[in-house]
Amino acid sequence: VVTLTVTDIYGNVSTCTTIVTVQDVTPPVIVCPADVIADTDPGICGAEVFFPDAIAADACGILSVVQTAGLPSGSIFPVGVSTVEFTATDVNGNSSVCSFTITITDNEAPMAVCQDITIQLDEFGDATITPADIDGGSSDNCAIDTITASQTVFDCSDVGANNITLTVTDIYGNVATCIAVVTVEDVTAPVAVCQNITVALDENGT
């Protein structure tokens, strides 16, 4: 309540009162932690990330600073970009929001595991394998996209031991290789075809 007093030049006085309502309409100032960029932790498709709370200031006073979006600090954040949001509220109900990003990149190569195999040529001299035949349990911290072999078709020229490269690529483009020995065997006997002939002895009886 404010009293207004008016006095004229002869000393007469009159007063009145008015109500002055003061409002706080200025939101607090809030500052989030810096963006985070990290590689995946070994063996998992993500990374454990810790971060501090946002910091806020206000002329009248801060009521609360709370995280309002995103995984909490100390969580395993997945590969990709995650957003974390904080909201600050002052004692008069004004609020401000800030956010930052956590970017996790998978740079971990798959684990390529080979197994040696022995195959036999068929009656036509051919044999075929698939990459799965020489895969001994390859794995990746996230997921495997493709598994390929450097050679899958064999013939008589490949009889014996052959070093075949197995290439494992994960869903984020990381690559690993290993060598499998594919032993090719020819187990088909030849076809013996006979024909009868007549010969004459020479003058020596031979």
N, C-alpha and C. Protein backbone atom coordinates (compact mmCIF):
# COMPACT_ATOMS: atom_id res chain seq x y z
N VAL A 1 0.87 -1.18 0.00
CA VAL A 1 0.00 0.00 0.00
C VAL A 1 0.91 1.23 0.00
N VAL A 2 0.64 2.17 -0.94
CA VAL A 2 1.43 3.38 -1.05
C VAL A 2 0.50 4.57 -0.80
N THR A 3 0.92 5.50 0.10
CA THR A 3 0.13 6.70 0.41
C THR A 3 0.70 7.88 -0.37
N LEU A 4 -0.20 8.58 -1.09
CA LEU A 4 0.18 9.77 -1.84
C LEU A 4 -0.28 10.99 -1.05
N THR A 5 0.63 11.89 -0.72
CA THR A 5 0.31 13.11 0.05
C THR A 5 0.52 14.33 -0.84
N VAL A 6 -0.53 15.17 -0.94
CA VAL A 6 -0.48 16.38 -1.75
C VAL A 6 -0.65 17.60 -0.82
N THR A 7 0.27 18.56 -0.87
CA THR A 7 0.22 19.77 -0.04
C THR A 7 0.23 20.99 -0.95
N ASP A 8 -0.78 21.89 -0.75
CA ASP A 8 -0.78 23.09 -1.60
C ASP A 8 0.11 24.17 -0.98
N ILE A 9 0.14 25.35 -1.64
CA ILE A 9 1.08 26.40 -1.21
C ILE A 9 0.67 27.08 0.09
N TYR A 10 -0.57 26.76 0.55
CA TYR A 10 -1.02 27.34 1.82
C TYR A 10 -1.04 26.33 2.94
N GLY A 11 -0.45 25.19 2.71
CA GLY A 11 -0.30 24.21 3.78
C GLY A 11 -1.44 23.23 3.89
N ASN A 12 -2.43 23.29 3.02
CA ASN A 12 -3.51 22.31 3.07
C ASN A 12 -2.98 20.96 2.53
N VAL A 13 -3.44 19.93 3.19
CA VAL A 13 -2.92 18.59 2.88
C VAL A 13 -4.06 17.63 2.56
N SER A 14 -3.84 16.82 1.57
CA SER A 14 -4.78 15.75 1.26
C SER A 14 -3.97 14.49 0.93
N THR A 15 -4.52 13.31 1.30
CA THR A 15 -3.82 12.04 1.03
C THR A 15 -4.77 11.04 0.37
N CYS A 16 -4.17 10.12 -0.29
CA CYS A 16 -4.91 8.96 -0.81
C CYS A 16 -3.96 7.78 -0.83
N THR A 17 -4.53 6.59 -0.92
CA THR A 17 -3.69 5.37 -0.94
C THR A 17 -3.96 4.60 -2.23
N THR A 18 -2.95 3.86 -2.64
CA THR A 18 -3.07 2.98 -3.82
C THR A 18 -2.30 1.70 -3.55
N ILE A 19 -2.68 0.66 -4.26
CA ILE A 19 -2.00 -0.64 -4.10
C ILE A 19 -1.08 -0.85 -5.30
N VAL A 20 0.17 -1.01 -5.01
CA VAL A 20 1.17 -1.30 -6.04
C VAL A 20 1.53 -2.78 -5.94
N THR A 21 1.19 -3.54 -6.98
CA THR A 21 1.47 -4.98 -7.00
C THR A 21 2.76 -5.22 -7.78
N VAL A 22 3.72 -5.83 -7.15
CA VAL A 22 5.02 -6.13 -7.78
C VAL A 22 5.01 -7.59 -8.24
N GLN A 23 5.30 -7.78 -9.52
CA GLN A 23 5.34 -9.14 -10.08
C GLN A 23 6.74 -9.48 -10.58
N ASP A 24 7.14 -10.73 -10.34
CA ASP A 24 8.41 -11.25 -10.90
C ASP A 24 8.05 -12.04 -12.16
N VAL A 25 8.37 -11.49 -13.32
CA VAL A 25 8.06 -12.16 -14.58
C VAL A 25 9.34 -12.56 -15.33
N THR A 26 10.47 -12.47 -14.67
CA THR A 26 11.75 -12.80 -15.31
C THR A 26 12.11 -14.25 -14.99
N PRO A 27 12.25 -15.08 -16.00
CA PRO A 27 12.62 -16.48 -15.73
C PRO A 27 14.06 -16.58 -15.24
N PRO A 28 14.37 -17.64 -14.55
CA PRO A 28 15.75 -17.81 -14.07
C PRO A 28 16.71 -18.08 -15.24
N VAL A 29 17.96 -17.89 -14.97
CA VAL A 29 19.01 -18.21 -15.94
C VAL A 29 19.50 -19.62 -15.63
N ILE A 30 19.50 -20.49 -16.65
CA ILE A 30 19.93 -21.88 -16.44
C ILE A 30 21.02 -22.23 -17.44
N VAL A 31 22.01 -22.97 -16.98
CA VAL A 31 23.14 -23.40 -17.81
C VAL A 31 23.29 -24.91 -17.68
N CYS A 32 23.24 -25.61 -18.83
CA CYS A 32 23.39 -27.06 -18.85
C CYS A 32 24.86 -27.45 -18.99
N PRO A 33 25.18 -28.70 -18.65
CA PRO A 33 26.54 -29.20 -18.93
C PRO A 33 26.83 -29.19 -20.44
N ALA A 34 28.09 -29.26 -20.79
CA ALA A 34 28.49 -29.28 -22.20
C ALA A 34 28.08 -30.61 -22.85
N ASP A 35 27.93 -30.58 -24.18
CA ASP A 35 27.63 -31.80 -24.92
C ASP A 35 28.72 -32.84 -24.67
N VAL A 36 28.32 -34.11 -24.72
CA VAL A 36 29.24 -35.22 -24.46
C VAL A 36 29.37 -36.06 -25.74
N ILE A 37 30.60 -36.38 -26.11
CA ILE A 37 30.88 -37.28 -27.23
C ILE A 37 31.78 -38.39 -26.71
N ALA A 38 31.35 -39.65 -26.91
CA ALA A 38 32.11 -40.77 -26.36
C ALA A 38 31.96 -41.99 -27.26
N ASP A 39 32.94 -42.91 -27.15
CA ASP A 39 32.87 -44.20 -27.82
C ASP A 39 32.13 -45.20 -26.92
N THR A 40 31.66 -46.27 -27.52
CA THR A 40 31.01 -47.32 -26.74
C THR A 40 32.01 -47.93 -25.77
N ASP A 41 31.51 -48.38 -24.63
CA ASP A 41 32.34 -49.12 -23.69
C ASP A 41 32.63 -50.50 -24.27
N PRO A 42 33.79 -51.10 -23.93
CA PRO A 42 34.15 -52.41 -24.51
C PRO A 42 33.08 -53.47 -24.26
N GLY A 43 32.67 -54.12 -25.33
CA GLY A 43 31.76 -55.24 -25.21
C GLY A 43 30.29 -54.93 -25.12
N ILE A 44 29.91 -53.65 -25.08
CA ILE A 44 28.49 -53.30 -25.00
C ILE A 44 28.15 -52.27 -26.08
N CYS A 45 26.87 -52.25 -26.44
CA CYS A 45 26.42 -51.34 -27.51
C CYS A 45 25.93 -50.03 -26.87
N GLY A 46 26.81 -49.36 -26.18
CA GLY A 46 26.47 -48.11 -25.51
C GLY A 46 27.62 -47.71 -24.60
N ALA A 47 27.41 -46.66 -23.83
CA ALA A 47 28.46 -46.19 -22.92
C ALA A 47 27.83 -45.62 -21.65
N GLU A 48 28.46 -45.91 -20.52
CA GLU A 48 28.02 -45.34 -19.25
C GLU A 48 28.51 -43.90 -19.16
N VAL A 49 27.59 -42.97 -18.98
CA VAL A 49 27.94 -41.54 -18.98
C VAL A 49 27.44 -40.90 -17.68
N PHE A 50 28.32 -40.15 -17.04
CA PHE A 50 27.98 -39.37 -15.86
C PHE A 50 28.05 -37.88 -16.21
N PHE A 51 27.13 -37.10 -15.69
CA PHE A 51 27.15 -35.66 -15.94
C PHE A 51 26.57 -34.93 -14.72
N PRO A 52 27.00 -33.67 -14.49
CA PRO A 52 26.47 -32.90 -13.35
C PRO A 52 25.10 -32.33 -13.68
N ASP A 53 24.41 -31.86 -12.64
CA ASP A 53 23.13 -31.16 -12.85
C ASP A 53 23.37 -29.80 -13.47
N ALA A 54 22.32 -29.27 -14.08
CA ALA A 54 22.39 -27.91 -14.58
C ALA A 54 22.50 -26.92 -13.42
N ILE A 55 23.00 -25.74 -13.71
CA ILE A 55 23.15 -24.69 -12.71
C ILE A 55 22.20 -23.55 -13.06
N ALA A 56 21.48 -23.02 -12.05
CA ALA A 56 20.51 -21.94 -12.30
C ALA A 56 20.70 -20.82 -11.28
N ALA A 57 20.34 -19.59 -11.71
CA ALA A 57 20.39 -18.41 -10.83
C ALA A 57 19.18 -17.54 -11.10
N ASP A 58 18.70 -16.84 -10.05
CA ASP A 58 17.54 -15.96 -10.19
C ASP A 58 17.63 -14.87 -9.13
N ALA A 59 17.19 -13.67 -9.49
CA ALA A 59 17.27 -12.54 -8.56
C ALA A 59 16.45 -12.77 -7.30
N CYS A 60 15.31 -13.46 -7.45
CA CYS A 60 14.45 -13.67 -6.29
C CYS A 60 14.72 -14.99 -5.57
N GLY A 61 15.26 -15.94 -6.30
CA GLY A 61 15.57 -17.21 -5.65
C GLY A 61 15.11 -18.39 -6.50
N ILE A 62 15.89 -19.47 -6.46
CA ILE A 62 15.58 -20.70 -7.20
C ILE A 62 14.81 -21.65 -6.30
N LEU A 63 13.69 -22.16 -6.83
CA LEU A 63 12.93 -23.17 -6.10
C LEU A 63 13.45 -24.56 -6.37
N SER A 64 13.70 -24.87 -7.67
CA SER A 64 14.15 -26.23 -8.01
C SER A 64 14.86 -26.24 -9.35
N VAL A 65 15.76 -27.22 -9.49
CA VAL A 65 16.40 -27.54 -10.77
C VAL A 65 16.27 -29.05 -10.92
N VAL A 66 15.48 -29.50 -11.90
CA VAL A 66 15.22 -30.93 -12.06
C VAL A 66 15.45 -31.34 -13.51
N GLN A 67 15.85 -32.61 -13.67
CA GLN A 67 15.98 -33.17 -15.03
C GLN A 67 14.60 -33.57 -15.51
N THR A 68 14.21 -33.08 -16.67
CA THR A 68 12.86 -33.30 -17.17
C THR A 68 12.82 -34.14 -18.44
N ALA A 69 13.97 -34.56 -18.98
CA ALA A 69 13.98 -35.43 -20.17
C ALA A 69 15.33 -36.12 -20.26
N GLY A 70 15.32 -37.33 -20.82
CA GLY A 70 16.56 -38.07 -21.03
C GLY A 70 16.87 -39.02 -19.89
N LEU A 71 17.82 -39.91 -20.15
CA LEU A 71 18.26 -40.87 -19.14
C LEU A 71 19.04 -40.16 -18.03
N PRO A 72 18.95 -40.67 -16.81
CA PRO A 72 19.70 -40.03 -15.71
C PRO A 72 21.19 -40.27 -15.81
N SER A 73 21.95 -39.47 -15.11
CA SER A 73 23.40 -39.62 -15.06
C SER A 73 23.76 -41.01 -14.55
N GLY A 74 24.79 -41.61 -15.18
CA GLY A 74 25.20 -42.95 -14.79
C GLY A 74 24.54 -44.05 -15.58
N SER A 75 23.64 -43.69 -16.52
CA SER A 75 22.96 -44.69 -17.33
C SER A 75 23.85 -45.14 -18.48
N ILE A 76 23.46 -46.26 -19.10
CA ILE A 76 24.10 -46.71 -20.34
C ILE A 76 23.37 -46.04 -21.49
N PHE A 77 24.03 -45.10 -22.14
CA PHE A 77 23.42 -44.38 -23.26
C PHE A 77 23.67 -45.15 -24.55
N PRO A 78 22.65 -45.30 -25.39
CA PRO A 78 22.79 -46.10 -26.61
C PRO A 78 23.60 -45.37 -27.68
N VAL A 79 24.01 -46.13 -28.70
CA VAL A 79 24.70 -45.53 -29.84
C VAL A 79 23.75 -44.55 -30.54
N GLY A 80 24.28 -43.38 -30.88
CA GLY A 80 23.47 -42.33 -31.49
C GLY A 80 23.47 -41.08 -30.63
N VAL A 81 22.50 -40.23 -30.87
CA VAL A 81 22.41 -38.95 -30.15
C VAL A 81 21.21 -38.99 -29.19
N SER A 82 21.48 -38.74 -27.92
CA SER A 82 20.44 -38.66 -26.89
C SER A 82 20.41 -37.23 -26.35
N THR A 83 19.22 -36.75 -26.02
CA THR A 83 19.06 -35.39 -25.50
C THR A 83 18.67 -35.46 -24.03
N VAL A 84 19.34 -34.64 -23.22
CA VAL A 84 19.03 -34.52 -21.79
C VAL A 84 18.56 -33.09 -21.53
N GLU A 85 17.48 -32.95 -20.80
CA GLU A 85 16.87 -31.63 -20.56
C GLU A 85 16.73 -31.37 -19.07
N PHE A 86 17.01 -30.13 -18.67
CA PHE A 86 16.81 -29.69 -17.30
C PHE A 86 15.87 -28.49 -17.29
N THR A 87 15.07 -28.37 -16.22
CA THR A 87 14.17 -27.23 -16.04
C THR A 87 14.42 -26.60 -14.68
N ALA A 88 14.61 -25.27 -14.67
CA ALA A 88 14.78 -24.52 -13.42
C ALA A 88 13.53 -23.69 -13.18
N THR A 89 13.06 -23.68 -11.94
CA THR A 89 11.87 -22.90 -11.56
C THR A 89 12.24 -22.00 -10.39
N ASP A 90 11.87 -20.69 -10.50
CA ASP A 90 12.17 -19.79 -9.40
C ASP A 90 11.02 -19.80 -8.38
N VAL A 91 11.21 -19.05 -7.30
CA VAL A 91 10.24 -19.07 -6.20
C VAL A 91 8.91 -18.44 -6.58
N ASN A 92 8.85 -17.75 -7.72
CA ASN A 92 7.61 -17.13 -8.17
C ASN A 92 6.99 -17.84 -9.37
N GLY A 93 7.47 -19.05 -9.64
CA GLY A 93 6.84 -19.88 -10.66
C GLY A 93 7.35 -19.70 -12.07
N ASN A 94 8.31 -18.82 -12.30
CA ASN A 94 8.89 -18.68 -13.63
C ASN A 94 9.88 -19.84 -13.86
N SER A 95 9.95 -20.31 -15.10
CA SER A 95 10.83 -21.45 -15.38
C SER A 95 11.61 -21.23 -16.67
N SER A 96 12.75 -21.91 -16.74
CA SER A 96 13.60 -21.91 -17.92
C SER A 96 14.07 -23.33 -18.18
N VAL A 97 14.30 -23.63 -19.47
CA VAL A 97 14.72 -24.97 -19.87
C VAL A 97 16.03 -24.89 -20.64
N CYS A 98 16.91 -25.86 -20.42
CA CYS A 98 18.12 -26.01 -21.23
C CYS A 98 18.30 -27.48 -21.55
N SER A 99 19.09 -27.76 -22.55
CA SER A 99 19.34 -29.16 -22.92
C SER A 99 20.74 -29.31 -23.49
N PHE A 100 21.23 -30.55 -23.48
CA PHE A 100 22.50 -30.87 -24.11
C PHE A 100 22.40 -32.28 -24.68
N THR A 101 23.33 -32.63 -25.55
CA THR A 101 23.28 -33.93 -26.21
C THR A 101 24.42 -34.82 -25.77
N ILE A 102 24.16 -36.12 -25.81
CA ILE A 102 25.17 -37.15 -25.54
C ILE A 102 25.25 -38.03 -26.79
N THR A 103 26.38 -37.98 -27.47
CA THR A 103 26.56 -38.71 -28.72
C THR A 103 27.51 -39.88 -28.48
N ILE A 104 27.01 -41.09 -28.73
CA ILE A 104 27.80 -42.30 -28.54
C ILE A 104 28.08 -42.91 -29.91
N THR A 105 29.35 -43.21 -30.18
CA THR A 105 29.76 -43.79 -31.46
C THR A 105 30.35 -45.17 -31.24
N ASP A 106 29.94 -46.12 -32.12
CA ASP A 106 30.49 -47.48 -32.05
C ASP A 106 31.69 -47.57 -32.98
N ASN A 107 32.89 -47.60 -32.40
CA ASN A 107 34.12 -47.78 -33.17
C ASN A 107 34.77 -49.13 -32.88
N GLU A 108 34.03 -49.99 -32.20
CA GLU A 108 34.59 -51.30 -31.82
C GLU A 108 34.35 -52.31 -32.94
N ALA A 109 35.43 -52.90 -33.43
CA ALA A 109 35.33 -53.87 -34.52
C ALA A 109 34.69 -55.16 -34.01
N PRO A 110 34.03 -55.89 -34.91
CA PRO A 110 33.49 -57.21 -34.50
C PRO A 110 34.62 -58.16 -34.12
N MET A 111 34.24 -59.28 -33.51
CA MET A 111 35.19 -60.35 -33.25
C MET A 111 34.96 -61.44 -34.30
N ALA A 112 35.89 -61.55 -35.25
CA ALA A 112 35.77 -62.55 -36.31
C ALA A 112 36.39 -63.86 -35.83
N VAL A 113 35.61 -64.93 -35.88
CA VAL A 113 36.07 -66.25 -35.43
C VAL A 113 35.88 -67.24 -36.58
N CYS A 114 36.98 -67.86 -37.01
CA CYS A 114 36.93 -68.81 -38.13
C CYS A 114 37.01 -70.25 -37.63
N GLN A 115 36.52 -71.16 -38.46
CA GLN A 115 36.72 -72.58 -38.22
C GLN A 115 37.13 -73.26 -39.54
N ASP A 116 38.10 -74.17 -39.43
CA ASP A 116 38.56 -74.90 -40.61
C ASP A 116 37.57 -76.00 -40.95
N ILE A 117 37.40 -76.27 -42.26
CA ILE A 117 36.49 -77.32 -42.69
C ILE A 117 37.13 -78.12 -43.82
N THR A 118 36.61 -79.32 -44.03
CA THR A 118 37.03 -80.16 -45.14
C THR A 118 35.80 -80.46 -45.99
N ILE A 119 35.94 -80.29 -47.31
CA ILE A 119 34.82 -80.53 -48.22
C ILE A 119 35.28 -81.47 -49.32
N GLN A 120 34.30 -82.13 -49.97
CA GLN A 120 34.60 -83.04 -51.06
C GLN A 120 33.97 -82.53 -52.35
N LEU A 121 34.71 -82.69 -53.44
CA LEU A 121 34.17 -82.36 -54.75
C LEU A 121 33.10 -83.38 -55.12
N ASP A 122 32.09 -82.93 -55.83
CA ASP A 122 31.06 -83.87 -56.28
C ASP A 122 31.51 -84.59 -57.55
N GLU A 123 30.61 -85.41 -58.13
CA GLU A 123 30.99 -86.20 -59.30
C GLU A 123 31.34 -85.34 -60.51
N PHE A 124 30.98 -84.05 -60.45
CA PHE A 124 31.30 -83.13 -61.54
C PHE A 124 32.57 -82.32 -61.26
N GLY A 125 33.19 -82.55 -60.10
CA GLY A 125 34.41 -81.82 -59.74
C GLY A 125 34.16 -80.45 -59.15
N ASP A 126 32.98 -80.26 -58.58
CA ASP A 126 32.63 -78.96 -58.01
C ASP A 126 32.25 -79.09 -56.53
N ALA A 127 32.41 -78.00 -55.78
CA ALA A 127 31.97 -77.94 -54.39
C ALA A 127 31.69 -76.48 -54.04
N THR A 128 30.71 -76.26 -53.18
CA THR A 128 30.31 -74.90 -52.79
C THR A 128 30.15 -74.83 -51.28
N ILE A 129 30.59 -73.71 -50.69
CA ILE A 129 30.38 -73.45 -49.27
C ILE A 129 29.65 -72.11 -49.10
N THR A 130 29.18 -71.86 -47.90
CA THR A 130 28.63 -70.55 -47.54
C THR A 130 29.52 -69.94 -46.46
N PRO A 131 29.47 -68.62 -46.28
CA PRO A 131 30.27 -68.01 -45.20
C PRO A 131 29.97 -68.62 -43.83
N ALA A 132 28.73 -69.05 -43.62
CA ALA A 132 28.37 -69.63 -42.32
C ALA A 132 29.13 -70.92 -42.05
N ASP A 133 29.54 -71.62 -43.13
CA ASP A 133 30.25 -72.89 -42.94
C ASP A 133 31.61 -72.70 -42.28
N ILE A 134 32.25 -71.55 -42.49
CA ILE A 134 33.57 -71.30 -41.90
C ILE A 134 33.51 -70.28 -40.76
N ASP A 135 32.30 -69.88 -40.39
CA ASP A 135 32.13 -68.96 -39.25
C ASP A 135 32.09 -69.78 -37.97
N GLY A 136 33.03 -69.48 -37.07
CA GLY A 136 33.11 -70.23 -35.82
C GLY A 136 32.47 -69.55 -34.64
N GLY A 137 31.57 -68.60 -34.90
CA GLY A 137 30.90 -67.89 -33.80
C GLY A 137 31.31 -66.44 -33.70
N SER A 138 31.42 -65.77 -34.84
CA SER A 138 31.76 -64.34 -34.82
C SER A 138 30.69 -63.54 -34.09
N SER A 139 31.09 -62.42 -33.48
CA SER A 139 30.15 -61.63 -32.68
C SER A 139 30.52 -60.16 -32.74
N ASP A 140 29.61 -59.33 -32.22
CA ASP A 140 29.84 -57.88 -32.19
C ASP A 140 29.13 -57.31 -30.98
N ASN A 141 29.67 -56.20 -30.45
CA ASN A 141 29.05 -55.58 -29.29
C ASN A 141 27.67 -55.02 -29.59
N CYS A 142 27.41 -54.67 -30.86
CA CYS A 142 26.06 -54.20 -31.24
C CYS A 142 25.35 -55.28 -32.05
N ALA A 143 25.65 -55.38 -33.33
CA ALA A 143 25.04 -56.41 -34.17
C ALA A 143 25.85 -56.55 -35.44
N ILE A 144 25.87 -57.78 -35.98
CA ILE A 144 26.57 -58.05 -37.24
C ILE A 144 25.64 -57.74 -38.40
N ASP A 145 26.19 -57.07 -39.41
CA ASP A 145 25.41 -56.78 -40.62
C ASP A 145 25.63 -57.84 -41.68
N THR A 146 26.88 -58.07 -42.06
CA THR A 146 27.16 -59.06 -43.09
C THR A 146 28.38 -59.90 -42.72
N ILE A 147 28.38 -61.15 -43.22
CA ILE A 147 29.54 -62.04 -43.13
C ILE A 147 29.78 -62.59 -44.53
N THR A 148 30.99 -62.37 -45.07
CA THR A 148 31.30 -62.81 -46.42
C THR A 148 32.59 -63.62 -46.42
N ALA A 149 32.73 -64.47 -47.45
CA ALA A 149 33.94 -65.27 -47.62
C ALA A 149 34.59 -64.88 -48.94
N SER A 150 35.93 -64.93 -48.96
CA SER A 150 36.66 -64.52 -50.16
C SER A 150 36.49 -65.51 -51.31
N GLN A 151 36.16 -66.77 -51.01
CA GLN A 151 35.91 -67.77 -52.05
C GLN A 151 34.88 -68.76 -51.53
N THR A 152 33.91 -69.07 -52.36
CA THR A 152 32.86 -70.01 -51.95
C THR A 152 32.68 -71.16 -52.93
N VAL A 153 33.27 -71.07 -54.14
CA VAL A 153 33.13 -72.11 -55.15
C VAL A 153 34.50 -72.71 -55.43
N PHE A 154 34.56 -74.05 -55.42
CA PHE A 154 35.83 -74.76 -55.59
C PHE A 154 35.70 -75.80 -56.69
N ASP A 155 36.87 -76.13 -57.33
CA ASP A 155 36.89 -77.18 -58.35
C ASP A 155 38.18 -77.98 -58.20
N CYS A 156 38.49 -78.78 -59.22
CA CYS A 156 39.65 -79.66 -59.13
C CYS A 156 40.96 -78.90 -58.92
N SER A 157 41.02 -77.67 -59.41
CA SER A 157 42.26 -76.89 -59.24
C SER A 157 42.49 -76.46 -57.80
N ASP A 158 41.48 -76.63 -56.94
CA ASP A 158 41.59 -76.20 -55.53
C ASP A 158 41.82 -77.36 -54.58
N VAL A 159 42.05 -78.58 -55.11
CA VAL A 159 42.26 -79.73 -54.24
C VAL A 159 43.46 -79.46 -53.32
N GLY A 160 43.24 -79.68 -52.03
CA GLY A 160 44.26 -79.38 -51.02
C GLY A 160 43.76 -78.30 -50.07
N ALA A 161 44.71 -77.67 -49.36
CA ALA A 161 44.36 -76.65 -48.37
C ALA A 161 44.27 -75.27 -49.04
N ASN A 162 43.20 -74.54 -48.72
CA ASN A 162 42.97 -73.19 -49.26
C ASN A 162 42.72 -72.23 -48.11
N ASN A 163 43.47 -71.13 -48.07
CA ASN A 163 43.24 -70.09 -47.06
C ASN A 163 42.13 -69.15 -47.54
N ILE A 164 41.03 -69.14 -46.83
CA ILE A 164 39.87 -68.34 -47.19
C ILE A 164 39.65 -67.27 -46.13
N THR A 165 39.49 -66.01 -46.58
CA THR A 165 39.30 -64.89 -45.66
C THR A 165 37.81 -64.70 -45.36
N LEU A 166 37.48 -64.72 -44.09
CA LEU A 166 36.12 -64.43 -43.64
C LEU A 166 36.07 -62.97 -43.18
N THR A 167 35.17 -62.17 -43.74
CA THR A 167 35.05 -60.75 -43.41
C THR A 167 33.74 -60.51 -42.70
N VAL A 168 33.83 -59.93 -41.51
CA VAL A 168 32.65 -59.66 -40.68
C VAL A 168 32.49 -58.15 -40.55
N THR A 169 31.31 -57.63 -40.92
CA THR A 169 31.03 -56.19 -40.86
C THR A 169 29.83 -55.97 -39.96
N ASP A 170 29.96 -55.03 -38.99
CA ASP A 170 28.83 -54.76 -38.11
C ASP A 170 27.93 -53.68 -38.70
N ILE A 171 26.84 -53.37 -37.99
CA ILE A 171 25.83 -52.45 -38.52
C ILE A 171 26.32 -51.02 -38.58
N TYR A 172 27.47 -50.72 -37.96
CA TYR A 172 28.02 -49.37 -38.02
C TYR A 172 29.27 -49.30 -38.89
N GLY A 173 29.51 -50.34 -39.69
CA GLY A 173 30.59 -50.30 -40.66
C GLY A 173 31.95 -50.74 -40.17
N ASN A 174 32.07 -51.18 -38.94
CA ASN A 174 33.35 -51.68 -38.45
C ASN A 174 33.59 -53.09 -39.00
N VAL A 175 34.86 -53.38 -39.35
CA VAL A 175 35.18 -54.62 -40.07
C VAL A 175 36.27 -55.39 -39.34
N ALA A 176 36.14 -56.72 -39.35
CA ALA A 176 37.19 -57.60 -38.84
C ALA A 176 37.28 -58.81 -39.77
N THR A 177 38.48 -59.42 -39.84
CA THR A 177 38.68 -60.59 -40.70
C THR A 177 39.42 -61.69 -39.94
N CYS A 178 39.30 -62.91 -40.46
CA CYS A 178 40.09 -64.03 -39.99
C CYS A 178 40.27 -65.00 -41.16
N ILE A 179 41.19 -65.96 -41.00
CA ILE A 179 41.51 -66.91 -42.06
C ILE A 179 41.04 -68.31 -41.66
N ALA A 180 40.27 -68.94 -42.54
CA ALA A 180 39.87 -70.33 -42.35
C ALA A 180 40.54 -71.18 -43.43
N VAL A 181 40.95 -72.38 -43.05
CA VAL A 181 41.54 -73.31 -44.02
C VAL A 181 40.44 -74.25 -44.51
N VAL A 182 40.16 -74.16 -45.81
CA VAL A 182 39.18 -75.05 -46.44
C VAL A 182 39.97 -76.11 -47.23
N THR A 183 39.90 -77.34 -46.76
CA THR A 183 40.61 -78.44 -47.42
C THR A 183 39.66 -79.13 -48.39
N VAL A 184 40.04 -79.12 -49.66
CA VAL A 184 39.22 -79.71 -50.72
C VAL A 184 39.75 -81.10 -51.04
N GLU A 185 38.85 -82.08 -51.01
CA GLU A 185 39.24 -83.45 -51.33
C GLU A 185 38.52 -83.93 -52.58
N ASP A 186 39.27 -84.69 -53.39
CA ASP A 186 38.67 -85.38 -54.53
C ASP A 186 38.49 -86.83 -54.12
N VAL A 187 37.25 -87.23 -53.85
CA VAL A 187 36.97 -88.59 -53.37
C VAL A 187 36.22 -89.41 -54.42
N THR A 188 36.10 -88.90 -55.63
CA THR A 188 35.39 -89.62 -56.69
C THR A 188 36.39 -90.39 -57.53
N ALA A 189 36.23 -91.70 -57.56
CA ALA A 189 37.14 -92.54 -58.32
C ALA A 189 36.93 -92.29 -59.81
N PRO A 190 37.98 -92.48 -60.61
CA PRO A 190 37.80 -92.34 -62.06
C PRO A 190 36.91 -93.46 -62.60
N VAL A 191 36.38 -93.27 -63.77
CA VAL A 191 35.57 -94.28 -64.44
C VAL A 191 36.47 -95.06 -65.40
N ALA A 192 36.65 -96.35 -65.11
CA ALA A 192 37.48 -97.21 -65.97
C ALA A 192 36.58 -97.84 -67.03
N VAL A 193 36.91 -97.65 -68.30
CA VAL A 193 36.13 -98.18 -69.42
C VAL A 193 37.05 -99.04 -70.28
N CYS A 194 36.73 -100.33 -70.40
CA CYS A 194 37.55 -101.26 -71.17
C CYS A 194 36.92 -101.56 -72.54
N GLN A 195 37.78 -101.97 -73.47
CA GLN A 195 37.28 -102.47 -74.75
C GLN A 195 38.14 -103.66 -75.19
N ASN A 196 37.50 -104.65 -75.79
CA ASN A 196 38.19 -105.85 -76.25
C ASN A 196 38.90 -105.55 -77.56
N ILE A 197 40.12 -106.13 -77.73
CA ILE A 197 40.88 -105.98 -78.98
C ILE A 197 41.48 -107.34 -79.37
N THR A 198 41.88 -107.45 -80.62
CA THR A 198 42.55 -108.66 -81.13
C THR A 198 43.91 -108.24 -81.66
N VAL A 199 44.96 -108.99 -81.20
CA VAL A 199 46.31 -108.70 -81.67
C VAL A 199 46.92 -109.96 -82.30
N ALA A 200 47.82 -109.79 -83.19
CA ALA A 200 48.49 -110.90 -83.85
C ALA A 200 49.94 -110.99 -83.43
N LEU A 201 50.43 -112.21 -83.15
CA LEU A 201 51.85 -112.39 -82.81
C LEU A 201 52.70 -112.08 -84.02
N ASP A 202 53.89 -111.52 -83.78
CA ASP A 202 54.80 -111.26 -84.90
C ASP A 202 55.63 -112.51 -85.20
N GLU A 203 56.65 -112.33 -86.05
CA GLU A 203 57.44 -113.50 -86.44
C GLU A 203 58.26 -114.07 -85.29
N ASN A 204 58.41 -113.32 -84.22
CA ASN A 204 59.13 -113.79 -83.03
C ASN A 204 58.19 -114.38 -82.00
N GLY A 205 56.92 -114.41 -82.34
CA GLY A 205 55.94 -114.99 -81.41
C GLY A 205 55.59 -114.08 -80.26
N THR A 206 55.79 -112.79 -80.47
CA THR A 206 55.50 -111.80 -79.44
C THR A 206 54.34 -110.92 -79.89
